[in-house]
């Protein structure tokens, strides 16, 4: 069921002031050890852990001949990387540096020079889930304040906006106590989706008039926007016979039309959808519950954006694959592969060629892969 709410124009004053501010994000591709940065290279970011269990950010890539470009570390030091995202144009990466006390600041790093700068200090708090608006003007992020009862990492989340030109910050909602996190911008920047803990669901706020809507969100995953349209992917779970199924839903946020892309009678648990750069295909994770394709872990599948022509790209019953990431040219998928049975339970990165169906490991250990968009 879809719930709608309204916010008065007066309550949006703070956001309106922030929305007129601008950010210019510039840079070029960074050459790693003289091997990174050719115009035809496909670059990607990923995390790997040090001996103390802290995650650090690395960059690598795929050369035109299909070979792996030598990885290069982008971060080091005592603070680990909690999460990261790229700016429009693929020239800058922003990440949350997580301290041992559960607090985190936001940092920006140039993929041209490798230089980094603190974008936002978050004393006595944790700032994470940073996402640039499509034109690079504003940045949404999740803030969790430390309290007398818990560290910042475990505190209630709230969604904020940062003006990266002036450093000013403000709430997205007029009620400063409204909980929300994992903000994601629509392709035209007119809307922002978010995870709502209470009431539970996937929320969407129209930034022009403040109207909000709440949609199903079974797994607590961030919403996934179509690259050119105001279509949003989410998931919902229900009982089908004796099975709990999870399907991918496509929501038209302008008409509220909801389409079950998994197929209404499909006995599957689907999650982690990702649109191809042209919006024509969706890669996703699928666990088939019955039949010949039944598996212990989730496999990587693709389907057309209307749900047709679904087919598997992997078939490893005792392996779980993570959310797939499309290369900018729409040919390759990157995913994390995690064995569910020992003895070597180590996460690794696997490259899938959607044209040839070739699947191969490229890095180990590694996790959370994300392609870097080509310079625009």
Protein backbone atom coordinates (compact mmCIF):
# COMPACT_ATOMS: atom_id res chain seq x y z
CA UNK A 1 0.00 0.00 0.00
CA UNK A 2 1.25 3.49 -0.89
CA UNK A 3 1.08 6.21 1.77
CA UNK A 4 1.34 9.89 0.90
CA UNK A 5 2.15 12.84 3.15
CA UNK A 6 2.49 16.58 2.61
CA UNK A 7 5.05 19.14 3.79
CA UNK A 8 4.23 22.83 3.73
CA UNK A 9 6.21 25.16 1.46
CA UNK A 10 7.37 27.07 4.56
CA UNK A 11 8.92 23.91 5.97
CA UNK A 12 11.02 23.56 2.83
CA UNK A 13 12.70 26.95 3.24
CA UNK A 14 15.99 25.54 4.48
CA UNK A 15 16.14 23.06 1.64
CA UNK A 16 15.24 25.70 -0.94
CA UNK A 17 18.16 27.86 0.20
CA UNK A 18 20.53 24.92 -0.05
CA UNK A 19 19.22 23.89 -3.45
CA UNK A 20 20.41 27.08 -5.16
CA UNK A 21 24.05 26.46 -4.20
CA UNK A 22 26.49 25.00 -6.70
CA UNK A 23 29.38 22.57 -6.69
CA UNK A 24 31.90 22.19 -9.51
CA UNK A 25 33.50 18.77 -9.45
CA UNK A 26 36.52 18.44 -11.72
CA UNK A 27 39.41 16.08 -12.44
CA UNK A 28 40.71 13.42 -14.81
CA UNK A 29 41.30 9.69 -14.58
CA UNK A 30 44.18 8.80 -12.29
CA UNK A 31 47.02 6.73 -13.69
CA UNK A 32 48.00 4.04 -11.17
CA UNK A 33 51.71 3.36 -11.41
CA UNK A 34 51.69 4.46 -15.05
CA UNK A 35 49.12 1.82 -16.01
CA UNK A 36 45.81 3.51 -15.16
CA UNK A 37 43.90 6.16 -17.01
CA UNK A 38 43.90 5.28 -20.72
CA UNK A 39 40.76 6.53 -22.44
CA UNK A 40 39.52 3.02 -23.16
CA UNK A 41 40.19 1.60 -19.68
CA UNK A 42 37.20 0.54 -17.58
CA UNK A 43 38.00 1.50 -13.99
CA UNK A 44 36.42 0.22 -10.80
CA UNK A 45 36.69 0.73 -7.04
CA UNK A 46 36.54 -1.90 -4.33
CA UNK A 47 37.31 -2.54 -0.66
CA UNK A 48 39.76 -4.94 0.93
CA UNK A 49 40.72 -5.40 4.60
CA UNK A 50 44.07 -5.02 6.33
CA UNK A 51 45.39 -7.21 9.15
CA UNK A 52 43.41 -5.20 11.72
CA UNK A 53 40.16 -5.75 9.84
CA UNK A 54 39.90 -2.16 8.57
CA UNK A 55 38.56 -1.69 5.05
CA UNK A 56 40.58 0.35 2.58
CA UNK A 57 39.66 1.67 -0.85
CA UNK A 58 41.44 0.47 -3.99
CA UNK A 59 41.17 1.25 -7.69
CA UNK A 60 41.81 -1.13 -10.59
CA UNK A 61 40.40 -1.62 -14.06
CA UNK A 62 39.99 -3.72 -17.17
CA UNK A 63 42.16 -2.84 -20.18
CA UNK A 64 40.74 -3.01 -23.74
CA UNK A 65 42.33 -6.45 -24.19
CA UNK A 66 40.47 -7.74 -21.12
CA UNK A 67 43.46 -7.91 -18.78
CA UNK A 68 43.38 -6.63 -15.21
CA UNK A 69 45.10 -3.31 -14.53
CA UNK A 70 47.36 -3.36 -11.50
CA UNK A 71 45.36 -2.32 -8.39
CA UNK A 72 46.37 0.74 -6.41
CA UNK A 73 45.47 1.72 -2.85
CA UNK A 74 43.59 5.00 -2.49
CA UNK A 75 43.35 5.07 1.32
CA UNK A 76 45.40 3.91 4.26
CA UNK A 77 45.86 4.92 7.89
CA UNK A 78 44.13 4.07 11.14
CA UNK A 79 40.58 4.81 9.97
CA UNK A 80 38.80 2.33 7.75
CA UNK A 81 36.40 3.05 4.89
CA UNK A 82 32.76 2.36 5.69
CA UNK A 83 31.21 3.17 2.29
CA UNK A 84 31.91 5.21 -0.81
CA UNK A 85 30.35 6.71 -3.95
CA UNK A 86 31.53 8.58 -7.03
CA UNK A 87 30.71 12.10 -8.14
CA UNK A 88 29.01 12.74 -11.50
CA UNK A 89 31.58 12.34 -14.24
CA UNK A 90 33.68 9.80 -12.35
CA UNK A 91 36.37 12.28 -11.34
CA UNK A 92 35.98 12.25 -7.56
CA UNK A 93 35.14 9.62 -4.98
CA UNK A 94 33.62 10.47 -1.63
CA UNK A 95 33.90 8.08 1.29
CA UNK A 96 33.10 7.75 4.98
CA UNK A 97 36.17 7.20 7.17
CA UNK A 98 35.11 5.05 10.12
CA UNK A 99 37.08 5.34 13.37
CA UNK A 100 37.44 2.64 16.01
CA UNK A 101 34.93 4.55 18.15
CA UNK A 102 32.23 4.26 15.49
CA UNK A 103 32.42 7.88 14.32
CA UNK A 104 33.06 8.91 10.73
CA UNK A 105 33.83 12.01 8.65
CA UNK A 106 33.24 12.49 4.92
CA UNK A 107 36.28 12.77 2.66
CA UNK A 108 36.65 13.61 -1.03
CA UNK A 109 39.45 12.09 -3.12
CA UNK A 110 40.51 13.13 -6.61
CA UNK A 111 41.01 10.24 -9.02
CA UNK A 112 43.26 12.57 -11.03
CA UNK A 113 45.83 13.50 -8.39
CA UNK A 114 45.07 11.14 -5.53
CA UNK A 115 44.78 14.14 -3.20
CA UNK A 116 42.10 13.97 -0.55
CA UNK A 117 40.36 16.61 1.52
CA UNK A 118 37.90 16.53 4.38
CA UNK A 119 34.48 17.36 3.00
CA UNK A 120 32.58 17.29 6.28
CA UNK A 121 33.74 16.83 9.87
CA UNK A 122 31.25 14.91 12.00
CA UNK A 123 32.39 15.25 15.63
CA UNK A 124 30.58 12.93 18.04
CA UNK A 125 28.70 11.49 15.07
CA UNK A 126 28.92 9.17 12.10
CA UNK A 127 28.32 10.48 8.58
CA UNK A 128 27.90 7.94 5.79
CA UNK A 129 25.91 6.96 2.68
CA UNK A 130 26.93 10.15 0.86
CA UNK A 131 25.39 10.59 -2.60
CA UNK A 132 25.85 13.48 -5.04
CA UNK A 133 22.86 14.98 -6.81
CA UNK A 134 23.03 14.34 -10.59
CA UNK A 135 24.42 17.81 -11.36
CA UNK A 136 26.88 17.73 -8.45
CA UNK A 137 25.27 20.68 -6.69
CA UNK A 138 24.23 19.02 -3.42
CA UNK A 139 25.14 15.97 -1.39
CA UNK A 140 22.80 13.83 0.70
CA UNK A 141 24.19 11.85 3.61
CA UNK A 142 23.12 9.90 6.69
CA UNK A 143 24.00 11.27 10.13
CA UNK A 144 23.96 9.27 13.36
CA UNK A 145 24.72 11.13 16.60
CA UNK A 146 26.59 9.54 19.47
CA UNK A 147 24.57 9.33 22.68
CA UNK A 148 25.10 8.37 26.32
CA UNK A 149 23.64 4.97 25.51
CA UNK A 150 25.36 3.94 22.29
CA UNK A 151 28.10 4.80 19.83
CA UNK A 152 27.23 6.88 16.79
CA UNK A 153 27.38 3.81 14.59
CA UNK A 154 24.34 2.28 16.34
CA UNK A 155 22.31 5.47 16.81
CA UNK A 156 19.12 6.37 14.91
CA UNK A 157 19.79 7.62 11.34
CA UNK A 158 18.69 10.96 9.93
CA UNK A 159 18.99 12.27 6.38
CA UNK A 160 20.85 15.55 5.78
CA UNK A 161 21.89 17.73 2.85
CA UNK A 162 25.34 19.32 2.46
CA UNK A 163 26.08 22.39 0.35
CA UNK A 164 29.66 21.59 -0.62
CA UNK A 165 30.36 25.16 -1.73
CA UNK A 166 29.58 26.89 1.57
CA UNK A 167 29.77 23.91 3.92
CA UNK A 168 26.24 24.57 5.17
CA UNK A 169 24.12 21.58 6.18
CA UNK A 170 20.41 21.13 6.76
CA UNK A 171 17.68 18.59 7.32
CA UNK A 172 15.80 17.23 4.35
CA UNK A 173 12.62 16.99 6.42
CA UNK A 174 11.06 19.79 8.53
CA UNK A 175 10.85 17.38 11.48
CA UNK A 176 14.44 17.00 12.66
CA UNK A 177 13.51 13.77 14.43
CA UNK A 178 12.26 11.96 11.33
CA UNK A 179 14.36 8.86 10.75
CA UNK A 180 15.70 8.06 7.29
CA UNK A 181 18.90 6.88 5.62
CA UNK A 182 20.40 5.65 2.31
CA UNK A 183 19.26 8.63 0.22
CA UNK A 184 19.29 8.17 -3.56
CA UNK A 185 18.66 10.92 -6.15
CA UNK A 186 16.31 10.50 -9.10
CA UNK A 187 17.98 10.99 -12.51
CA UNK A 188 16.63 14.54 -12.88
CA UNK A 189 17.35 15.45 -9.26
CA UNK A 190 13.71 16.28 -8.53
CA UNK A 191 13.20 13.48 -6.01
CA UNK A 192 15.12 11.66 -3.33
CA UNK A 193 14.39 8.11 -2.22
CA UNK A 194 15.31 6.90 1.26
CA UNK A 195 14.84 4.00 3.63
CA UNK A 196 12.27 4.78 6.30
CA UNK A 197 12.63 2.73 9.53
CA UNK A 198 9.36 3.98 11.05
CA UNK A 199 6.99 3.63 9.34
CA UNK A 200 8.96 0.93 7.54
CA UNK A 201 9.30 1.18 3.78
CA UNK A 202 11.00 2.96 0.91
CA UNK A 203 10.19 6.65 1.01
CA UNK A 204 10.33 9.19 -1.81
CA UNK A 205 10.23 12.96 -1.32
CA UNK A 206 9.40 15.36 -4.14
CA UNK A 207 11.81 18.22 -3.53
CA UNK A 208 9.65 20.74 -5.40
CA UNK A 209 6.54 20.49 -3.24
CA UNK A 210 7.61 18.38 -0.25
CA UNK A 211 5.11 15.61 -0.95
CA UNK A 212 6.28 12.19 0.21
CA UNK A 213 5.20 8.63 -0.58
CA UNK A 214 5.98 5.31 1.09
CA UNK A 215 6.40 2.06 -0.84
CA UNK A 216 7.16 -1.56 0.12
CA UNK A 217 10.77 -2.38 0.96
CA UNK A 218 11.11 -5.93 2.25
CA UNK A 219 14.89 -6.19 2.57
CA UNK A 220 15.83 -2.67 3.61
CA UNK A 221 17.82 -2.10 0.42
CA UNK A 222 18.30 1.38 -0.99
CA UNK A 223 16.03 2.30 -3.89
CA UNK A 224 17.45 1.97 -7.41
CA UNK A 225 16.48 4.61 -9.97
CA UNK A 226 16.24 4.12 -13.71
CA UNK A 227 19.09 6.12 -15.33
CA UNK A 228 16.73 8.26 -17.46
CA UNK A 229 13.23 7.90 -16.01
CA UNK A 230 11.41 8.40 -12.71
CA UNK A 231 11.13 4.65 -12.21
CA UNK A 232 12.26 3.10 -8.94
CA UNK A 233 13.15 -0.50 -8.08
CA UNK A 234 12.39 -2.00 -4.67
CA UNK A 235 11.52 -5.42 -3.23
CA UNK A 236 8.57 -6.93 -1.40
CA UNK A 237 8.09 -10.25 0.42
CA UNK A 238 4.99 -12.40 0.89
CA UNK A 239 3.93 -16.01 1.35
CA UNK A 240 3.36 -18.07 -1.80
CA UNK A 241 2.03 -21.47 -0.74
CA UNK A 242 4.57 -22.73 1.80
CA UNK A 243 7.37 -20.42 0.66
CA UNK A 244 8.37 -16.89 1.45
CA UNK A 245 9.15 -15.18 -1.85
CA UNK A 246 10.84 -11.84 -2.49
CA UNK A 247 10.17 -10.09 -5.79
CA UNK A 248 11.57 -7.02 -7.51
CA UNK A 249 8.98 -4.28 -8.02
CA UNK A 250 9.25 -1.38 -10.46
CA UNK A 251 7.42 1.75 -9.32
CA UNK A 252 6.45 4.67 -11.52
CA UNK A 253 6.64 7.42 -8.90
CA UNK A 254 4.61 9.81 -11.04
CA UNK A 255 1.62 7.49 -11.54
CA UNK A 256 2.20 5.09 -8.59
CA UNK A 257 1.90 2.15 -11.00
CA UNK A 258 3.66 -0.92 -9.58
CA UNK A 259 4.93 -3.80 -11.78
CA UNK A 260 6.17 -7.15 -10.45
CA UNK A 261 9.27 -7.73 -12.59
CA UNK A 262 10.05 -11.10 -11.01
CA UNK A 263 6.78 -12.59 -12.28
CA UNK A 264 3.76 -12.96 -10.04
CA UNK A 265 4.05 -16.76 -9.78
CA UNK A 266 7.84 -16.92 -9.54
CA UNK A 267 9.10 -18.98 -6.58
CA UNK A 268 12.25 -16.94 -6.05
CA UNK A 269 14.01 -14.65 -3.63
CA UNK A 270 15.23 -11.71 -5.71
CA UNK A 271 17.25 -8.70 -4.56
CA UNK A 272 20.07 -6.31 -5.46
CA UNK A 273 18.68 -5.01 -8.78
CA UNK A 274 20.83 -2.75 -10.95
CA UNK A 275 19.86 -0.99 -14.20
CA UNK A 276 22.23 -1.13 -17.15
CA UNK A 277 23.56 2.31 -18.19
CA UNK A 278 20.98 2.59 -21.00
CA UNK A 279 18.16 1.36 -18.75
CA UNK A 280 17.35 -1.55 -21.06
CA UNK A 281 18.43 -4.38 -18.75
CA UNK A 282 18.39 -5.19 -15.05
CA UNK A 283 21.01 -7.37 -13.37
CA UNK A 284 19.98 -8.83 -10.02
CA UNK A 285 20.51 -11.55 -7.41
CA UNK A 286 18.19 -14.55 -7.49
CA UNK A 287 17.75 -17.63 -5.33
CA UNK A 288 15.43 -20.16 -6.96
CA UNK A 289 13.41 -22.00 -4.30
CA UNK A 290 12.20 -25.00 -6.30
CA UNK A 291 13.24 -26.99 -9.37
CA UNK A 292 16.45 -27.67 -11.26
CA UNK A 293 17.88 -24.20 -10.63
CA UNK A 294 17.38 -24.34 -6.85
CA UNK A 295 20.46 -23.10 -4.99
CA UNK A 296 21.72 -22.41 -1.50
CA UNK A 297 23.13 -19.00 -2.43
CA UNK A 298 21.92 -16.22 -4.69
CA UNK A 299 23.08 -16.24 -8.31
CA UNK A 300 23.45 -13.39 -10.82
CA UNK A 301 20.64 -13.08 -13.37
CA UNK A 302 19.71 -10.48 -15.97
CA UNK A 303 16.36 -9.55 -17.48
CA UNK A 304 15.00 -6.81 -19.68
CA UNK A 305 13.70 -3.77 -17.86
CA UNK A 306 10.12 -4.98 -18.35
CA UNK A 307 10.92 -8.31 -16.65
CA UNK A 308 11.12 -10.41 -19.83
CA UNK A 309 13.94 -12.66 -21.07
CA UNK A 310 15.27 -13.45 -17.58
CA UNK A 311 18.26 -15.79 -17.59
CA UNK A 312 21.05 -16.82 -15.18
CA UNK A 313 24.67 -15.80 -15.66
CA UNK A 314 26.03 -17.94 -12.81
CA UNK A 315 25.12 -21.39 -11.51
CA UNK A 316 27.13 -22.11 -8.37
CA UNK A 317 24.70 -23.64 -5.89
CA UNK A 318 26.95 -23.27 -2.83
CA UNK A 319 28.13 -19.73 -3.58
CA UNK A 320 26.43 -16.41 -2.83
CA UNK A 321 26.92 -13.51 -5.24
CA UNK A 322 26.59 -9.87 -4.18
CA UNK A 323 24.80 -6.98 -5.85
CA UNK A 324 26.06 -6.65 -9.45
CA UNK A 325 27.55 -3.43 -10.82
CA UNK A 326 27.38 -2.56 -14.56
CA UNK A 327 30.40 -1.25 -16.44
CA UNK A 328 29.85 2.16 -18.11
CA UNK A 329 29.75 0.53 -21.56
CA UNK A 330 27.03 -1.90 -20.45
CA UNK A 331 29.03 -5.02 -21.30
CA UNK A 332 30.46 -6.24 -18.01
CA UNK A 333 29.16 -6.95 -14.54
CA UNK A 334 31.26 -6.93 -11.39
CA UNK A 335 30.09 -8.85 -8.35
CA UNK A 336 31.36 -10.16 -5.04
CA UNK A 337 31.49 -13.97 -4.80
CA UNK A 338 31.31 -15.55 -1.34
CA UNK A 339 31.57 -19.34 -0.76
CA UNK A 340 28.98 -20.68 1.69
CA UNK A 341 31.01 -23.80 2.45
CA UNK A 342 34.66 -24.07 3.61
CA UNK A 343 37.51 -24.38 3.85
CA UNK A 344 38.42 -21.20 1.93
CA UNK A 345 35.65 -18.73 2.74
CA UNK A 346 37.13 -15.59 1.21
CA UNK A 347 35.23 -12.87 -0.70
CA UNK A 348 36.49 -12.29 -4.23
CA UNK A 349 35.58 -10.15 -7.25
CA UNK A 350 34.29 -11.81 -10.41
CA UNK A 351 33.87 -10.31 -13.87
CA UNK A 352 30.91 -11.38 -16.01
CA UNK A 353 30.85 -10.67 -19.74
CA UNK A 354 27.17 -10.32 -20.68
CA UNK A 355 27.99 -10.74 -24.38
CA UNK A 356 29.89 -14.03 -24.10
CA UNK A 357 28.65 -15.23 -20.66
CA UNK A 358 32.28 -15.69 -19.57
CA UNK A 359 32.66 -15.60 -15.77
CA UNK A 360 36.11 -15.24 -14.20
CA UNK A 361 37.73 -14.24 -10.92
CA UNK A 362 39.87 -11.11 -11.07
CA UNK A 363 40.72 -10.22 -7.44
CA UNK A 364 40.89 -11.92 -4.04
CA UNK A 365 40.24 -10.89 -1.30
CA UNK A 366 37.97 -8.01 -2.30
CA UNK A 367 34.43 -6.74 -1.72
CA UNK A 368 31.86 -4.05 -2.66
CA UNK A 369 32.90 -3.41 -6.28
CA UNK A 370 31.71 -0.28 -8.08
CA UNK A 371 32.53 0.83 -11.61
CA UNK A 372 33.73 4.39 -12.13
CA UNK A 373 31.72 6.25 -14.75
CA UNK A 374 33.58 7.53 -17.78
CA UNK A 375 34.58 11.18 -17.65
CA UNK A 376 31.77 13.39 -18.87
